[in-house]
Amino acid sequence: MNANKVSRCVPMTHDEIQRSLDADWAKSDPEVERQFAGQWVVPFERRIVAHGIDLAKVLQEAERLTFLPQKRLVVCGVPLPDSWLADA
């Protein structure tokens, strides 16, 4: 690393923190896993606002319900229980 360059940490905004918390919740909640296995989900304020197997449709529905642009939404894939990803 160049000694003249200073690395700076930029604090997360409130929205970024909330999206991170929502993603953590959706990825670890047993009820979300049970109810939405094999689907894409969009968590928002600790609830799933849209879900399904067609990612584009899921994002469109979440955008319609939250009034947020798709780039500001969190999307999580919920693995099937027998998927090798379930333990990842």
N, C-alpha and C. Protein backbone atom coordinates (compact mmCIF):
# COMPACT_ATOMS: atom_id res chain seq x y z
N MET A 1 0.84 -1.18 0.00
CA MET A 1 0.00 0.00 0.00
C MET A 1 0.88 1.23 0.00
N ASN A 2 0.50 2.21 -0.74
CA ASN A 2 1.23 3.46 -0.82
C ASN A 2 1.12 4.18 0.52
N ALA A 3 2.26 4.57 1.07
CA ALA A 3 2.28 5.22 2.38
C ALA A 3 1.56 6.56 2.37
N ASN A 4 1.43 7.18 1.20
CA ASN A 4 0.77 8.48 1.12
C ASN A 4 -0.75 8.36 1.06
N LYS A 5 -1.23 7.18 0.76
CA LYS A 5 -2.68 7.00 0.69
C LYS A 5 -3.23 6.64 2.06
N VAL A 6 -4.31 7.26 2.41
CA VAL A 6 -4.97 6.99 3.68
C VAL A 6 -6.29 6.30 3.38
N SER A 7 -6.48 5.15 3.98
CA SER A 7 -7.72 4.43 3.80
C SER A 7 -8.73 4.95 4.81
N ARG A 8 -9.93 5.25 4.33
CA ARG A 8 -10.95 5.77 5.22
C ARG A 8 -12.17 4.86 5.19
N CYS A 9 -12.70 4.64 6.34
CA CYS A 9 -13.95 3.90 6.45
C CYS A 9 -15.09 4.91 6.39
N VAL A 10 -16.03 4.60 5.55
CA VAL A 10 -17.20 5.47 5.45
C VAL A 10 -18.32 4.82 6.24
N PRO A 11 -18.87 5.53 7.20
CA PRO A 11 -19.95 4.94 8.01
C PRO A 11 -21.16 4.60 7.14
N MET A 12 -21.82 3.54 7.52
CA MET A 12 -23.04 3.15 6.82
C MET A 12 -24.16 4.13 7.16
N THR A 13 -25.02 4.35 6.19
CA THR A 13 -26.19 5.19 6.45
C THR A 13 -27.22 4.36 7.21
N HIS A 14 -28.24 5.03 7.73
CA HIS A 14 -29.32 4.32 8.42
C HIS A 14 -29.98 3.31 7.50
N ASP A 15 -30.23 3.69 6.24
CA ASP A 15 -30.86 2.78 5.28
C ASP A 15 -29.97 1.57 5.00
N GLU A 16 -28.68 1.77 4.88
CA GLU A 16 -27.75 0.65 4.64
C GLU A 16 -27.73 -0.30 5.83
N ILE A 17 -27.75 0.25 7.02
CA ILE A 17 -27.77 -0.59 8.23
C ILE A 17 -29.07 -1.39 8.27
N GLN A 18 -30.19 -0.73 7.97
CA GLN A 18 -31.48 -1.42 7.99
C GLN A 18 -31.52 -2.54 6.95
N ARG A 19 -31.00 -2.29 5.75
CA ARG A 19 -30.97 -3.34 4.71
C ARG A 19 -30.11 -4.50 5.15
N SER A 20 -29.00 -4.22 5.79
CA SER A 20 -28.12 -5.28 6.27
C SER A 20 -28.82 -6.11 7.35
N LEU A 21 -29.49 -5.45 8.28
CA LEU A 21 -30.23 -6.15 9.33
C LEU A 21 -31.36 -6.99 8.75
N ASP A 22 -32.07 -6.42 7.76
CA ASP A 22 -33.16 -7.16 7.11
C ASP A 22 -32.62 -8.41 6.41
N ALA A 23 -31.50 -8.29 5.72
CA ALA A 23 -30.90 -9.44 5.03
C ALA A 23 -30.47 -10.50 6.04
N ASP A 24 -29.82 -10.08 7.12
CA ASP A 24 -29.39 -11.03 8.16
C ASP A 24 -30.60 -11.77 8.73
N TRP A 25 -31.66 -11.04 9.00
CA TRP A 25 -32.87 -11.65 9.54
C TRP A 25 -33.45 -12.67 8.56
N ALA A 26 -33.59 -12.27 7.30
CA ALA A 26 -34.21 -13.16 6.31
C ALA A 26 -33.38 -14.43 6.09
N LYS A 27 -32.06 -14.30 6.18
CA LYS A 27 -31.19 -15.45 5.94
C LYS A 27 -31.10 -16.39 7.13
N SER A 28 -31.54 -15.94 8.31
CA SER A 28 -31.38 -16.78 9.49
C SER A 28 -32.70 -17.15 10.18
N ASP A 29 -33.80 -16.60 9.75
CA ASP A 29 -35.07 -16.87 10.40
C ASP A 29 -35.66 -18.20 9.93
N PRO A 30 -35.90 -19.13 10.84
CA PRO A 30 -36.42 -20.44 10.45
C PRO A 30 -37.78 -20.37 9.76
N GLU A 31 -38.62 -19.42 10.14
CA GLU A 31 -39.93 -19.29 9.52
C GLU A 31 -39.81 -18.83 8.06
N VAL A 32 -38.89 -17.91 7.80
CA VAL A 32 -38.65 -17.48 6.41
C VAL A 32 -38.15 -18.68 5.60
N GLU A 33 -37.23 -19.42 6.17
CA GLU A 33 -36.69 -20.60 5.48
C GLU A 33 -37.80 -21.62 5.19
N ARG A 34 -38.66 -21.86 6.15
CA ARG A 34 -39.73 -22.84 5.99
C ARG A 34 -40.75 -22.37 4.96
N GLN A 35 -41.12 -21.12 5.04
CA GLN A 35 -42.21 -20.61 4.21
C GLN A 35 -41.79 -20.30 2.77
N PHE A 36 -40.51 -19.91 2.57
CA PHE A 36 -40.10 -19.42 1.25
C PHE A 36 -38.95 -20.21 0.63
N ALA A 37 -38.76 -21.46 1.05
CA ALA A 37 -37.67 -22.28 0.52
C ALA A 37 -37.75 -22.37 -1.00
N GLY A 38 -36.60 -22.17 -1.65
CA GLY A 38 -36.52 -22.25 -3.10
C GLY A 38 -36.95 -20.99 -3.83
N GLN A 39 -37.14 -19.89 -3.09
CA GLN A 39 -37.61 -18.65 -3.70
C GLN A 39 -36.66 -17.49 -3.42
N TRP A 40 -36.83 -16.44 -4.20
CA TRP A 40 -36.21 -15.15 -3.92
C TRP A 40 -37.13 -14.40 -2.97
N VAL A 41 -36.58 -13.71 -2.00
CA VAL A 41 -37.37 -12.89 -1.08
C VAL A 41 -36.77 -11.50 -0.97
N VAL A 42 -37.63 -10.53 -0.73
CA VAL A 42 -37.18 -9.16 -0.47
C VAL A 42 -37.63 -8.82 0.95
N PRO A 43 -36.67 -8.80 1.89
CA PRO A 43 -37.01 -8.40 3.25
C PRO A 43 -37.00 -6.87 3.36
N PHE A 44 -37.96 -6.35 4.10
CA PHE A 44 -38.06 -4.90 4.30
C PHE A 44 -38.71 -4.67 5.65
N GLU A 45 -37.95 -4.04 6.55
CA GLU A 45 -38.42 -3.76 7.91
C GLU A 45 -38.94 -5.03 8.60
N ARG A 46 -38.12 -6.08 8.53
CA ARG A 46 -38.36 -7.39 9.17
C ARG A 46 -39.66 -8.06 8.74
N ARG A 47 -39.98 -7.90 7.47
CA ARG A 47 -41.06 -8.68 6.89
C ARG A 47 -40.72 -8.91 5.42
N ILE A 48 -41.26 -9.97 4.87
CA ILE A 48 -41.03 -10.28 3.47
C ILE A 48 -42.11 -9.56 2.67
N VAL A 49 -41.69 -8.62 1.82
CA VAL A 49 -42.67 -7.83 1.06
C VAL A 49 -42.95 -8.42 -0.31
N ALA A 50 -42.04 -9.25 -0.82
CA ALA A 50 -42.25 -9.90 -2.11
C ALA A 50 -41.44 -11.18 -2.13
N HIS A 51 -41.95 -12.17 -2.86
CA HIS A 51 -41.25 -13.45 -2.96
C HIS A 51 -41.70 -14.17 -4.22
N GLY A 52 -40.88 -15.10 -4.67
CA GLY A 52 -41.23 -15.90 -5.83
C GLY A 52 -39.99 -16.47 -6.49
N ILE A 53 -40.20 -17.17 -7.61
CA ILE A 53 -39.06 -17.79 -8.30
C ILE A 53 -38.56 -16.95 -9.47
N ASP A 54 -39.34 -15.97 -9.88
CA ASP A 54 -38.93 -15.07 -10.97
C ASP A 54 -38.39 -13.78 -10.36
N LEU A 55 -37.07 -13.64 -10.38
CA LEU A 55 -36.42 -12.52 -9.71
C LEU A 55 -36.93 -11.17 -10.21
N ALA A 56 -37.10 -11.02 -11.51
CA ALA A 56 -37.56 -9.74 -12.06
C ALA A 56 -38.95 -9.38 -11.52
N LYS A 57 -39.84 -10.35 -11.46
CA LYS A 57 -41.19 -10.09 -10.94
C LYS A 57 -41.16 -9.79 -9.45
N VAL A 58 -40.31 -10.48 -8.72
CA VAL A 58 -40.18 -10.24 -7.28
C VAL A 58 -39.72 -8.80 -7.04
N LEU A 59 -38.72 -8.36 -7.78
CA LEU A 59 -38.22 -7.00 -7.62
C LEU A 59 -39.27 -5.96 -8.03
N GLN A 60 -40.00 -6.22 -9.09
CA GLN A 60 -41.06 -5.29 -9.50
C GLN A 60 -42.12 -5.16 -8.42
N GLU A 61 -42.52 -6.28 -7.85
CA GLU A 61 -43.54 -6.25 -6.79
C GLU A 61 -43.02 -5.51 -5.55
N ALA A 62 -41.78 -5.78 -5.17
CA ALA A 62 -41.21 -5.11 -4.00
C ALA A 62 -41.08 -3.61 -4.24
N GLU A 63 -40.70 -3.24 -5.43
CA GLU A 63 -40.60 -1.81 -5.77
C GLU A 63 -41.98 -1.15 -5.68
N ARG A 64 -43.00 -1.82 -6.17
CA ARG A 64 -44.37 -1.29 -6.12
C ARG A 64 -44.84 -1.13 -4.68
N LEU A 65 -44.53 -2.10 -3.83
CA LEU A 65 -45.02 -2.08 -2.45
C LEU A 65 -44.24 -1.16 -1.52
N THR A 66 -42.95 -1.01 -1.77
CA THR A 66 -42.11 -0.20 -0.88
C THR A 66 -41.88 1.22 -1.38
N PHE A 67 -42.18 1.46 -2.66
CA PHE A 67 -41.92 2.76 -3.30
C PHE A 67 -40.43 3.08 -3.35
N LEU A 68 -39.59 2.04 -3.29
CA LEU A 68 -38.15 2.21 -3.39
C LEU A 68 -37.67 1.67 -4.74
N PRO A 69 -36.63 2.29 -5.31
CA PRO A 69 -36.08 1.74 -6.54
C PRO A 69 -35.43 0.37 -6.27
N GLN A 70 -35.43 -0.47 -7.28
CA GLN A 70 -34.90 -1.82 -7.12
C GLN A 70 -33.47 -1.83 -6.60
N LYS A 71 -32.66 -0.86 -6.97
CA LYS A 71 -31.26 -0.85 -6.53
C LYS A 71 -31.13 -0.61 -5.02
N ARG A 72 -32.19 -0.18 -4.36
CA ARG A 72 -32.14 0.04 -2.91
C ARG A 72 -32.78 -1.09 -2.13
N LEU A 73 -33.20 -2.14 -2.82
CA LEU A 73 -33.83 -3.28 -2.16
C LEU A 73 -32.82 -4.40 -1.93
N VAL A 74 -33.07 -5.18 -0.92
CA VAL A 74 -32.25 -6.35 -0.63
C VAL A 74 -32.99 -7.58 -1.17
N VAL A 75 -32.25 -8.44 -1.85
CA VAL A 75 -32.82 -9.68 -2.34
C VAL A 75 -32.01 -10.83 -1.77
N CYS A 76 -32.71 -11.82 -1.24
CA CYS A 76 -32.04 -13.00 -0.68
C CYS A 76 -32.62 -14.24 -1.35
N GLY A 77 -31.77 -15.17 -1.65
CA GLY A 77 -32.22 -16.47 -2.12
C GLY A 77 -32.36 -17.39 -0.92
N VAL A 78 -33.50 -18.05 -0.81
CA VAL A 78 -33.73 -18.97 0.30
C VAL A 78 -33.54 -20.38 -0.26
N PRO A 79 -32.48 -21.06 0.19
CA PRO A 79 -32.21 -22.40 -0.37
C PRO A 79 -33.26 -23.42 0.06
N LEU A 80 -33.40 -24.44 -0.77
CA LEU A 80 -34.24 -25.57 -0.41
C LEU A 80 -33.56 -26.32 0.73
N PRO A 81 -34.32 -26.95 1.62
CA PRO A 81 -33.71 -27.63 2.76
C PRO A 81 -32.68 -28.70 2.38
N ASP A 82 -32.87 -29.36 1.24
CA ASP A 82 -31.93 -30.40 0.85
C ASP A 82 -30.80 -29.87 -0.04
N SER A 83 -30.74 -28.58 -0.22
CA SER A 83 -29.71 -27.96 -1.05
C SER A 83 -28.38 -27.94 -0.30
N TRP A 84 -27.30 -28.12 -1.05
CA TRP A 84 -25.98 -28.04 -0.43
C TRP A 84 -25.71 -26.63 0.05
N LEU A 85 -26.44 -25.62 -0.45
CA LEU A 85 -26.27 -24.25 0.01
C LEU A 85 -26.90 -24.00 1.38
N ALA A 86 -27.76 -24.89 1.80
CA ALA A 86 -28.48 -24.68 3.07
C ALA A 86 -27.51 -24.56 4.24
N ASP A 87 -26.37 -25.19 4.15
CA ASP A 87 -25.38 -25.13 5.23
C ASP A 87 -24.33 -24.06 5.03
N ALA A 88 -24.40 -23.32 3.93
CA ALA A 88 -23.37 -22.31 3.63
C ALA A 88 -23.57 -21.08 4.46
